[in-house]
């Protein structure tokens, strides 16, 4: 279990570390970088197609438990 924040809401995790199976158009407010938690904005991540195979991946740089 994780007992400390890893940096998604504080931007310690950079945008390039967040990837997804797909996202809406590049210029939209629905890109994967908008999947951060506790952020005051009206944006979100939305995959291009609504399927059960969609995913988000966060590269933490090192294995983390």
PDB file of N, CA and C in Angstrom:
ATOM      1  N   UNK A   1       0.831  -1.189   0.000  1.00  0.00           N
ATOM      2  CA  UNK A   1       0.000   0.000   0.000  1.00  0.00           C
ATOM      3  C   UNK A   1       0.869   1.244   0.000  1.00  0.00           C
ATOM      4  N   UNK A   2       0.370   2.283  -0.570  1.00  0.00           N
ATOM      5  CA  UNK A   2       1.109   3.540  -0.683  1.00  0.00           C
ATOM      6  C   UNK A   2       0.728   4.452   0.480  1.00  0.00           C
ATOM      7  N   UNK A   3       1.721   4.914   1.226  1.00  0.00           N
ATOM      8  CA  UNK A   3       1.425   5.735   2.400  1.00  0.00           C
ATOM      9  C   UNK A   3       1.788   7.205   2.222  1.00  0.00           C
ATOM     10  N   UNK A   4       2.432   7.551   1.113  1.00  0.00           N
ATOM     11  CA  UNK A   4       2.801   8.950   0.877  1.00  0.00           C
ATOM     12  C   UNK A   4       2.365   9.363  -0.528  1.00  0.00           C
ATOM     13  N   UNK A   5       2.026  10.635  -0.729  1.00  0.00           N
ATOM     14  CA  UNK A   5       1.686  11.111  -2.075  1.00  0.00           C
ATOM     15  C   UNK A   5       2.877  10.945  -3.018  1.00  0.00           C
ATOM     16  N   UNK A   6       2.604  10.629  -4.258  1.00  0.00           N
ATOM     17  CA  UNK A   6       3.669  10.393  -5.232  1.00  0.00           C
ATOM     18  C   UNK A   6       3.917  11.575  -6.155  1.00  0.00           C
ATOM     19  N   UNK A   7       3.072  12.599  -6.106  1.00  0.00           N
ATOM     20  CA  UNK A   7       3.340  13.806  -6.864  1.00  0.00           C
ATOM     21  C   UNK A   7       2.433  14.091  -8.038  1.00  0.00           C
ATOM     22  N   UNK A   8       1.361  13.345  -8.195  1.00  0.00           N
ATOM     23  CA  UNK A   8       0.465  13.594  -9.325  1.00  0.00           C
ATOM     24  C   UNK A   8      -0.243  14.937  -9.187  1.00  0.00           C
ATOM     25  N   UNK A   9      -0.674  15.284  -8.000  1.00  0.00           N
ATOM     26  CA  UNK A   9      -1.394  16.553  -7.817  1.00  0.00           C
ATOM     27  C   UNK A   9      -0.467  17.748  -7.635  1.00  0.00           C
ATOM     28  N   UNK A  10       0.799  17.507  -7.299  1.00  0.00           N
ATOM     29  CA  UNK A  10       1.745  18.608  -7.065  1.00  0.00           C
ATOM     30  C   UNK A  10       2.661  18.866  -8.258  1.00  0.00           C
ATOM     31  N   UNK A  11       2.471  18.137  -9.333  1.00  0.00           N
ATOM     32  CA  UNK A  11       3.274  18.260 -10.559  1.00  0.00           C
ATOM     33  C   UNK A  11       4.718  17.803 -10.378  1.00  0.00           C
ATOM     34  N   UNK A  12       5.026  17.082  -9.277  1.00  0.00           N
ATOM     35  CA  UNK A  12       6.330  16.420  -9.192  1.00  0.00           C
ATOM     36  C   UNK A  12       6.409  15.358 -10.281  1.00  0.00           C
ATOM     37  N   UNK A  13       5.280  14.751 -10.591  1.00  0.00           N
ATOM     38  CA  UNK A  13       5.170  13.876 -11.756  1.00  0.00           C
ATOM     39  C   UNK A  13       4.872  14.787 -12.939  1.00  0.00           C
ATOM     40  N   UNK A  14       5.768  14.789 -13.906  1.00  0.00           N
ATOM     41  CA  UNK A  14       5.660  15.679 -15.069  1.00  0.00           C
ATOM     42  C   UNK A  14       4.670  15.124 -16.098  1.00  0.00           C
ATOM     43  N   UNK A  15       4.198  15.994 -16.969  1.00  0.00           N
ATOM     44  CA  UNK A  15       3.241  15.581 -17.996  1.00  0.00           C
ATOM     45  C   UNK A  15       3.767  14.431 -18.840  1.00  0.00           C
ATOM     46  N   UNK A  16       5.063  14.429 -19.171  1.00  0.00           N
ATOM     47  CA  UNK A  16       5.611  13.387 -20.037  1.00  0.00           C
ATOM     48  C   UNK A  16       5.596  12.015 -19.357  1.00  0.00           C
ATOM     49  N   UNK A  17       5.426  11.973 -18.039  1.00  0.00           N
ATOM     50  CA  UNK A  17       5.384  10.708 -17.312  1.00  0.00           C
ATOM     51  C   UNK A  17       3.988  10.076 -17.323  1.00  0.00           C
ATOM     52  N   UNK A  18       3.009  10.787 -17.841  1.00  0.00           N
ATOM     53  CA  UNK A  18       1.629  10.300 -17.867  1.00  0.00           C
ATOM     54  C   UNK A  18       1.273   9.938 -19.305  1.00  0.00           C
ATOM     55  N   UNK A  19       0.938   8.688 -19.536  1.00  0.00           N
ATOM     56  CA  UNK A  19       0.547   8.236 -20.869  1.00  0.00           C
ATOM     57  C   UNK A  19      -0.792   7.505 -20.771  1.00  0.00           C
ATOM     58  N   UNK A  20      -1.420   7.316 -21.919  1.00  0.00           N
ATOM     59  CA  UNK A  20      -2.717   6.638 -21.953  1.00  0.00           C
ATOM     60  C   UNK A  20      -2.871   5.867 -23.248  1.00  0.00           C
ATOM     61  N   UNK A  21      -3.836   4.985 -23.244  1.00  0.00           N
ATOM     62  CA  UNK A  21      -4.125   4.195 -24.441  1.00  0.00           C
ATOM     63  C   UNK A  21      -4.515   5.092 -25.608  1.00  0.00           C
ATOM     64  N   UNK A  22      -5.214   6.177 -25.331  1.00  0.00           N
ATOM     65  CA  UNK A  22      -5.583   7.172 -26.340  1.00  0.00           C
ATOM     66  C   UNK A  22      -6.127   8.396 -25.622  1.00  0.00           C
ATOM     67  N   UNK A  23      -6.263   9.476 -26.357  1.00  0.00           N
ATOM     68  CA  UNK A  23      -6.883  10.695 -25.829  1.00  0.00           C
ATOM     69  C   UNK A  23      -7.652  11.362 -26.948  1.00  0.00           C
ATOM     70  N   UNK A  24      -8.523  12.260 -26.575  1.00  0.00           N
ATOM     71  CA  UNK A  24      -9.223  13.062 -27.566  1.00  0.00           C
ATOM     72  C   UNK A  24      -8.203  13.913 -28.325  1.00  0.00           C
ATOM     73  N   UNK A  25      -8.646  14.733 -29.230  1.00  0.00           N
ATOM     74  CA  UNK A  25      -7.767  15.561 -30.056  1.00  0.00           C
ATOM     75  C   UNK A  25      -6.732  16.298 -29.222  1.00  0.00           C
ATOM     76  N   UNK A  26      -5.550  16.521 -29.804  1.00  0.00           N
ATOM     77  CA  UNK A  26      -4.433  17.151 -29.097  1.00  0.00           C
ATOM     78  C   UNK A  26      -4.765  18.511 -28.514  1.00  0.00           C
ATOM     79  N   UNK A  27      -5.605  19.279 -29.162  1.00  0.00           N
ATOM     80  CA  UNK A  27      -5.914  20.630 -28.695  1.00  0.00           C
ATOM     81  C   UNK A  27      -7.069  20.679 -27.700  1.00  0.00           C
ATOM     82  N   UNK A  28      -7.578  19.525 -27.310  1.00  0.00           N
ATOM     83  CA  UNK A  28      -8.753  19.537 -26.440  1.00  0.00           C
ATOM     84  C   UNK A  28      -8.359  19.603 -24.964  1.00  0.00           C
ATOM     85  N   UNK A  29      -9.345  19.821 -24.117  1.00  0.00           N
ATOM     86  CA  UNK A  29      -9.142  19.825 -22.668  1.00  0.00           C
ATOM     87  C   UNK A  29      -9.265  18.423 -22.094  1.00  0.00           C
ATOM     88  N   UNK A  30      -9.228  17.408 -22.949  1.00  0.00           N
ATOM     89  CA  UNK A  30      -9.450  16.032 -22.522  1.00  0.00           C
ATOM     90  C   UNK A  30      -8.206  15.165 -22.656  1.00  0.00           C
ATOM     91  N   UNK A  31      -7.037  15.768 -22.640  1.00  0.00           N
ATOM     92  CA  UNK A  31      -5.774  15.046 -22.757  1.00  0.00           C
ATOM     93  C   UNK A  31      -5.429  14.329 -21.458  1.00  0.00           C
ATOM     94  N   UNK A  32      -4.591  13.307 -21.541  1.00  0.00           N
ATOM     95  CA  UNK A  32      -4.251  12.487 -20.376  1.00  0.00           C
ATOM     96  C   UNK A  32      -3.571  13.301 -19.267  1.00  0.00           C
ATOM     97  N   UNK A  33      -2.867  14.363 -19.592  1.00  0.00           N
ATOM     98  CA  UNK A  33      -2.220  15.180 -18.569  1.00  0.00           C
ATOM     99  C   UNK A  33      -3.241  15.844 -17.648  1.00  0.00           C
ATOM    100  N   UNK A  34      -4.481  15.902 -18.073  1.00  0.00           N
ATOM    101  CA  UNK A  34      -5.543  16.491 -17.257  1.00  0.00           C
ATOM    102  C   UNK A  34      -6.179  15.485 -16.304  1.00  0.00           C
ATOM    103  N   UNK A  35      -5.605  14.306 -16.191  1.00  0.00           N
ATOM    104  CA  UNK A  35      -6.131  13.280 -15.287  1.00  0.00           C
ATOM    105  C   UNK A  35      -5.619  13.450 -13.860  1.00  0.00           C
ATOM    106  N   UNK A  36      -4.906  14.515 -13.597  1.00  0.00           N
ATOM    107  CA  UNK A  36      -4.371  14.755 -12.249  1.00  0.00           C
ATOM    108  C   UNK A  36      -5.502  14.915 -11.233  1.00  0.00           C
ATOM    109  N   UNK A  37      -5.210  14.553  -9.988  1.00  0.00           N
ATOM    110  CA  UNK A  37      -6.215  14.656  -8.933  1.00  0.00           C
ATOM    111  C   UNK A  37      -6.046  15.943  -8.142  1.00  0.00           C
ATOM    112  N   UNK A  38      -7.126  16.393  -7.541  1.00  0.00           N
ATOM    113  CA  UNK A  38      -7.145  17.573  -6.664  1.00  0.00           C
ATOM    114  C   UNK A  38      -6.672  18.848  -7.348  1.00  0.00           C
ATOM    115  N   UNK A  39      -6.900  18.979  -8.636  1.00  0.00           N
ATOM    116  CA  UNK A  39      -6.499  20.171  -9.377  1.00  0.00           C
ATOM    117  C   UNK A  39      -7.753  20.991  -9.683  1.00  0.00           C
ATOM    118  N   UNK A  40      -7.658  22.295  -9.460  1.00  0.00           N
ATOM    119  CA  UNK A  40      -8.799  23.186  -9.694  1.00  0.00           C
ATOM    120  C   UNK A  40      -8.836  23.616 -11.165  1.00  0.00           C
ATOM    121  N   UNK A  41      -9.401  22.806 -12.001  1.00  0.00           N
ATOM    122  CA  UNK A  41      -9.633  23.177 -13.395  1.00  0.00           C
ATOM    123  C   UNK A  41     -10.808  22.371 -13.918  1.00  0.00           C
ATOM    124  N   UNK A  42     -11.308  22.768 -15.041  1.00  0.00           N
ATOM    125  CA  UNK A  42     -12.458  22.071 -15.619  1.00  0.00           C
ATOM    126  C   UNK A  42     -12.010  21.232 -16.803  1.00  0.00           C
ATOM    127  N   UNK A  43     -10.983  20.442 -16.573  1.00  0.00           N
ATOM    128  CA  UNK A  43     -10.449  19.578 -17.612  1.00  0.00           C
ATOM    129  C   UNK A  43     -10.441  18.148 -17.087  1.00  0.00           C
ATOM    130  N   UNK A  44     -10.272  17.202 -17.988  1.00  0.00           N
ATOM    131  CA  UNK A  44     -10.250  15.795 -17.606  1.00  0.00           C
ATOM    132  C   UNK A  44      -9.606  14.993 -18.727  1.00  0.00           C
ATOM    133  N   UNK A  45      -9.328  13.731 -18.463  1.00  0.00           N
ATOM    134  CA  UNK A  45      -8.876  12.835 -19.514  1.00  0.00           C
ATOM    135  C   UNK A  45     -10.088  12.112 -20.072  1.00  0.00           C
ATOM    136  N   UNK A  46     -10.121  11.980 -21.378  1.00  0.00           N
ATOM    137  CA  UNK A  46     -11.175  11.216 -22.035  1.00  0.00           C
ATOM    138  C   UNK A  46     -10.529  10.427 -23.172  1.00  0.00           C
ATOM    139  N   UNK A  47     -10.668   9.108 -23.171  1.00  0.00           N
ATOM    140  CA  UNK A  47     -10.104   8.324 -24.269  1.00  0.00           C
ATOM    141  C   UNK A  47     -10.846   8.612 -25.572  1.00  0.00           C
ATOM    142  N   UNK A  48     -10.187   8.314 -26.673  1.00  0.00           N
ATOM    143  CA  UNK A  48     -10.791   8.562 -27.985  1.00  0.00           C
ATOM    144  C   UNK A  48     -12.070   7.749 -28.177  1.00  0.00           C
ATOM    145  N   UNK A  49     -12.041   6.470 -27.750  1.00  0.00           N
ATOM    146  CA  UNK A  49     -13.224   5.611 -27.847  1.00  0.00           C
ATOM    147  C   UNK A  49     -13.522   5.032 -26.467  1.00  0.00           C
ATOM    148  N   UNK A  50     -14.787   4.855 -26.168  1.00  0.00           N
ATOM    149  CA  UNK A  50     -15.206   4.315 -24.886  1.00  0.00           C
ATOM    150  C   UNK A  50     -15.199   2.788 -24.955  1.00  0.00           C
ATOM    151  N   UNK A  51     -14.089   2.167 -24.524  1.00  0.00           N
ATOM    152  CA  UNK A  51     -13.979   0.710 -24.508  1.00  0.00           C
ATOM    153  C   UNK A  51     -13.434   0.265 -23.155  1.00  0.00           C
ATOM    154  N   UNK A  52     -13.490  -1.025 -22.892  1.00  0.00           N
ATOM    155  CA  UNK A  52     -12.960  -1.547 -21.627  1.00  0.00           C
ATOM    156  C   UNK A  52     -11.441  -1.668 -21.650  1.00  0.00           C
ATOM    157  N   UNK A  53     -10.816  -1.406 -22.786  1.00  0.00           N
ATOM    158  CA  UNK A  53      -9.366  -1.546 -22.910  1.00  0.00           C
ATOM    159  C   UNK A  53      -8.600  -0.248 -22.684  1.00  0.00           C
ATOM    160  N   UNK A  54      -9.241   0.814 -22.256  1.00  0.00           N
ATOM    161  CA  UNK A  54      -8.563   2.091 -22.017  1.00  0.00           C
ATOM    162  C   UNK A  54      -7.742   2.028 -20.739  1.00  0.00           C
ATOM    163  N   UNK A  55      -6.614   2.735 -20.729  1.00  0.00           N
ATOM    164  CA  UNK A  55      -5.746   2.739 -19.552  1.00  0.00           C
ATOM    165  C   UNK A  55      -4.980   4.039 -19.436  1.00  0.00           C
ATOM    166  N   UNK A  56      -4.530   4.338 -18.212  1.00  0.00           N
ATOM    167  CA  UNK A  56      -3.605   5.436 -17.916  1.00  0.00           C
ATOM    168  C   UNK A  56      -2.397   4.809 -17.241  1.00  0.00           C
ATOM    169  N   UNK A  57      -1.204   5.285 -17.599  1.00  0.00           N
ATOM    170  CA  UNK A  57       0.039   4.791 -17.000  1.00  0.00           C
ATOM    171  C   UNK A  57       0.837   5.968 -16.471  1.00  0.00           C
ATOM    172  N   UNK A  58       1.358   5.834 -15.259  1.00  0.00           N
ATOM    173  CA  UNK A  58       2.207   6.849 -14.644  1.00  0.00           C
ATOM    174  C   UNK A  58       3.598   6.260 -14.492  1.00  0.00           C
ATOM    175  N   UNK A  59       4.603   6.878 -15.115  1.00  0.00           N
ATOM    176  CA  UNK A  59       5.992   6.448 -14.984  1.00  0.00           C
ATOM    177  C   UNK A  59       6.582   7.131 -13.753  1.00  0.00           C
ATOM    178  N   UNK A  60       6.809   6.372 -12.693  1.00  0.00           N
ATOM    179  CA  UNK A  60       7.345   6.926 -11.451  1.00  0.00           C
ATOM    180  C   UNK A  60       8.869   6.953 -11.435  1.00  0.00           C
ATOM    181  N   UNK A  61       9.502   6.444 -12.475  1.00  0.00           N
ATOM    182  CA  UNK A  61      10.960   6.482 -12.561  1.00  0.00           C
ATOM    183  C   UNK A  61      11.634   5.287 -11.920  1.00  0.00           C
ATOM    184  N   UNK A  62      11.079   4.793 -10.833  1.00  0.00           N
ATOM    185  CA  UNK A  62      11.600   3.614 -10.146  1.00  0.00           C
ATOM    186  C   UNK A  62      10.421   2.770  -9.683  1.00  0.00           C
ATOM    187  N   UNK A  63      10.648   1.462  -9.503  1.00  0.00           N
ATOM    188  CA  UNK A  63       9.560   0.638  -8.967  1.00  0.00           C
ATOM    189  C   UNK A  63       9.106   1.188  -7.614  1.00  0.00           C
ATOM    190  N   UNK A  64       7.814   1.287  -7.428  1.00  0.00           N
ATOM    191  CA  UNK A  64       7.254   1.895  -6.223  1.00  0.00           C
ATOM    192  C   UNK A  64       6.117   1.033  -5.696  1.00  0.00           C
ATOM    193  N   UNK A  65       6.081   0.843  -4.392  1.00  0.00           N
ATOM    194  CA  UNK A  65       4.987   0.084  -3.764  1.00  0.00           C
ATOM    195  C   UNK A  65       4.128   1.015  -2.961  1.00  0.00           C
TER     196      UNK A  65
END
